[in-house]
Amino acid sequence: MEEKEIGIVKDFFVNVSVAAIELSDTIKVGDKIHIKGHTTDIIQKVDSMQINRKEIKEASSGDSVGIKVKDRVRHGDKVYKQ
């Protein structure tokens, strides 16, 4: 299945397991994402997203969103939409 790069991880908050992702394309709740990096390889569904601690359903290019992830991700990991 073709994957499209939609963003890059800018930060990771360990205590809440949230990745701060800078988007280069649109994403919405329910999308399946693949976060890939040197030591990262996670595929998961987007269950919730936030911008400035406010729940959102959709985000677009240029937005910085927080997405809860099931494992540690690292600065510079690429984010793909499946």
C-alpha atoms as a PDB file:
ATOM      1  CA  MET A   1       0.000   0.000   0.000  1.00  0.00           C
ATOM      2  CA  GLU A   2       1.283   3.437  -0.953  1.00  0.00           C
ATOM      3  CA  GLU A   3       2.254   5.659   1.959  1.00  0.00           C
ATOM      4  CA  LYS A   4       2.318   9.432   1.734  1.00  0.00           C
ATOM      5  CA  GLU A   5       4.577  11.523   3.949  1.00  0.00           C
ATOM      6  CA  ILE A   6       2.422  13.969   5.896  1.00  0.00           C
ATOM      7  CA  GLY A   7       4.705  15.343   8.585  1.00  0.00           C
ATOM      8  CA  ILE A   8       7.660  15.110  10.924  1.00  0.00           C
ATOM      9  CA  VAL A   9       7.941  14.566  14.673  1.00  0.00           C
ATOM     10  CA  LYS A  10       9.192  17.719  16.410  1.00  0.00           C
ATOM     11  CA  ASP A  11       8.903  16.607  20.028  1.00  0.00           C
ATOM     12  CA  PHE A  12       7.765  13.755  22.269  1.00  0.00           C
ATOM     13  CA  PHE A  13       6.206  14.087  25.709  1.00  0.00           C
ATOM     14  CA  VAL A  14       7.072  10.944  27.673  1.00  0.00           C
ATOM     15  CA  ASN A  15       4.695  11.475  30.617  1.00  0.00           C
ATOM     16  CA  VAL A  16       1.587  11.585  28.365  1.00  0.00           C
ATOM     17  CA  SER A  17       2.991   9.616  25.372  1.00  0.00           C
ATOM     18  CA  VAL A  18       2.141  12.388  22.913  1.00  0.00           C
ATOM     19  CA  ALA A  19       4.026  13.208  19.721  1.00  0.00           C
ATOM     20  CA  ALA A  20       4.162  16.818  18.542  1.00  0.00           C
ATOM     21  CA  ILE A  21       3.953  16.571  14.744  1.00  0.00           C
ATOM     22  CA  GLU A  22       4.454  19.365  12.230  1.00  0.00           C
ATOM     23  CA  LEU A  23       2.184  18.600   9.280  1.00  0.00           C
ATOM     24  CA  SER A  24       2.920  18.992   5.580  1.00  0.00           C
ATOM     25  CA  ASP A  25      -0.486  17.555   4.573  1.00  0.00           C
ATOM     26  CA  THR A  26      -3.953  16.942   6.033  1.00  0.00           C
ATOM     27  CA  ILE A  27      -4.818  14.350   8.655  1.00  0.00           C
ATOM     28  CA  LYS A  28      -8.019  13.494  10.475  1.00  0.00           C
ATOM     29  CA  VAL A  29      -9.128  11.364  13.397  1.00  0.00           C
ATOM     30  CA  GLY A  30      -9.545   7.793  12.176  1.00  0.00           C
ATOM     31  CA  ASP A  31      -6.633   7.937   9.707  1.00  0.00           C
ATOM     32  CA  LYS A  32      -4.003   5.228   9.953  1.00  0.00           C
ATOM     33  CA  ILE A  33      -0.479   6.594  10.343  1.00  0.00           C
ATOM     34  CA  HIS A  34       2.992   5.097  10.163  1.00  0.00           C
ATOM     35  CA  ILE A  35       5.763   6.782  12.159  1.00  0.00           C
ATOM     36  CA  LYS A  36       9.175   5.714  10.939  1.00  0.00           C
ATOM     37  CA  GLY A  37      12.671   6.685  11.981  1.00  0.00           C
ATOM     38  CA  HIS A  38      16.096   5.294  12.748  1.00  0.00           C
ATOM     39  CA  THR A  39      14.788   3.175  15.636  1.00  0.00           C
ATOM     40  CA  THR A  40      11.044   3.900  15.360  1.00  0.00           C
ATOM     41  CA  ASP A  41       8.462   1.893  13.427  1.00  0.00           C
ATOM     42  CA  ILE A  42       4.877   2.350  14.636  1.00  0.00           C
ATOM     43  CA  ILE A  43       1.626   1.875  12.756  1.00  0.00           C
ATOM     44  CA  GLN A  44      -1.531   3.032  14.503  1.00  0.00           C
ATOM     45  CA  LYS A  45      -4.882   4.714  14.068  1.00  0.00           C
ATOM     46  CA  VAL A  46      -5.275   8.370  15.083  1.00  0.00           C
ATOM     47  CA  ASP A  47      -7.747   8.184  17.984  1.00  0.00           C
ATOM     48  CA  SER A  48      -7.467  11.820  19.027  1.00  0.00           C
ATOM     49  CA  MET A  49      -5.606  14.969  18.065  1.00  0.00           C
ATOM     50  CA  GLN A  50      -5.063  18.320  19.708  1.00  0.00           C
ATOM     51  CA  ILE A  51      -3.848  21.781  18.808  1.00  0.00           C
ATOM     52  CA  ASN A  52      -3.029  23.958  21.835  1.00  0.00           C
ATOM     53  CA  ARG A  53      -4.739  21.411  24.143  1.00  0.00           C
ATOM     54  CA  LYS A  54      -8.026  21.641  22.210  1.00  0.00           C
ATOM     55  CA  GLU A  55      -9.490  18.479  20.690  1.00  0.00           C
ATOM     56  CA  ILE A  56      -9.775  18.660  16.898  1.00  0.00           C
ATOM     57  CA  LYS A  57     -11.076  16.257  14.245  1.00  0.00           C
ATOM     58  CA  GLU A  58      -8.923  17.411  11.331  1.00  0.00           C
ATOM     59  CA  ALA A  59      -5.689  19.334  10.753  1.00  0.00           C
ATOM     60  CA  SER A  60      -3.910  20.552   7.645  1.00  0.00           C
ATOM     61  CA  SER A  61      -0.515  21.499   6.265  1.00  0.00           C
ATOM     62  CA  GLY A  62       1.379  23.916   8.500  1.00  0.00           C
ATOM     63  CA  ASP A  63      -0.443  22.854  11.668  1.00  0.00           C
ATOM     64  CA  SER A  64       1.437  21.453  14.655  1.00  0.00           C
ATOM     65  CA  VAL A  65      -0.653  18.758  16.306  1.00  0.00           C
ATOM     66  CA  GLY A  66      -0.335  16.551  19.347  1.00  0.00           C
ATOM     67  CA  ILE A  67      -1.212  12.897  18.734  1.00  0.00           C
ATOM     68  CA  LYS A  68      -1.241  10.208  21.418  1.00  0.00           C
ATOM     69  CA  VAL A  69       1.106   7.399  20.348  1.00  0.00           C
ATOM     70  CA  LYS A  70       1.460   3.858  21.674  1.00  0.00           C
ATOM     71  CA  ASP A  71       5.252   3.923  21.888  1.00  0.00           C
ATOM     72  CA  ARG A  72       8.172   6.353  22.079  1.00  0.00           C
ATOM     73  CA  VAL A  73       8.897   8.407  18.960  1.00  0.00           C
ATOM     74  CA  ARG A  74      11.860  10.661  18.301  1.00  0.00           C
ATOM     75  CA  HIS A  75      12.547  14.125  16.924  1.00  0.00           C
ATOM     76  CA  GLY A  76      12.941  13.869  13.156  1.00  0.00           C
ATOM     77  CA  ASP A  77      10.889  10.683  12.696  1.00  0.00           C
ATOM     78  CA  LYS A  78       8.796  10.882   9.548  1.00  0.00           C
ATOM     79  CA  VAL A  79       5.015  10.483   9.660  1.00  0.00           C
ATOM     80  CA  TYR A  80       3.164   8.798   6.806  1.00  0.00           C
ATOM     81  CA  LYS A  81      -0.547   8.327   6.122  1.00  0.00           C
ATOM     82  CA  GLN A  82      -1.540   4.851   4.932  1.00  0.00           C
END
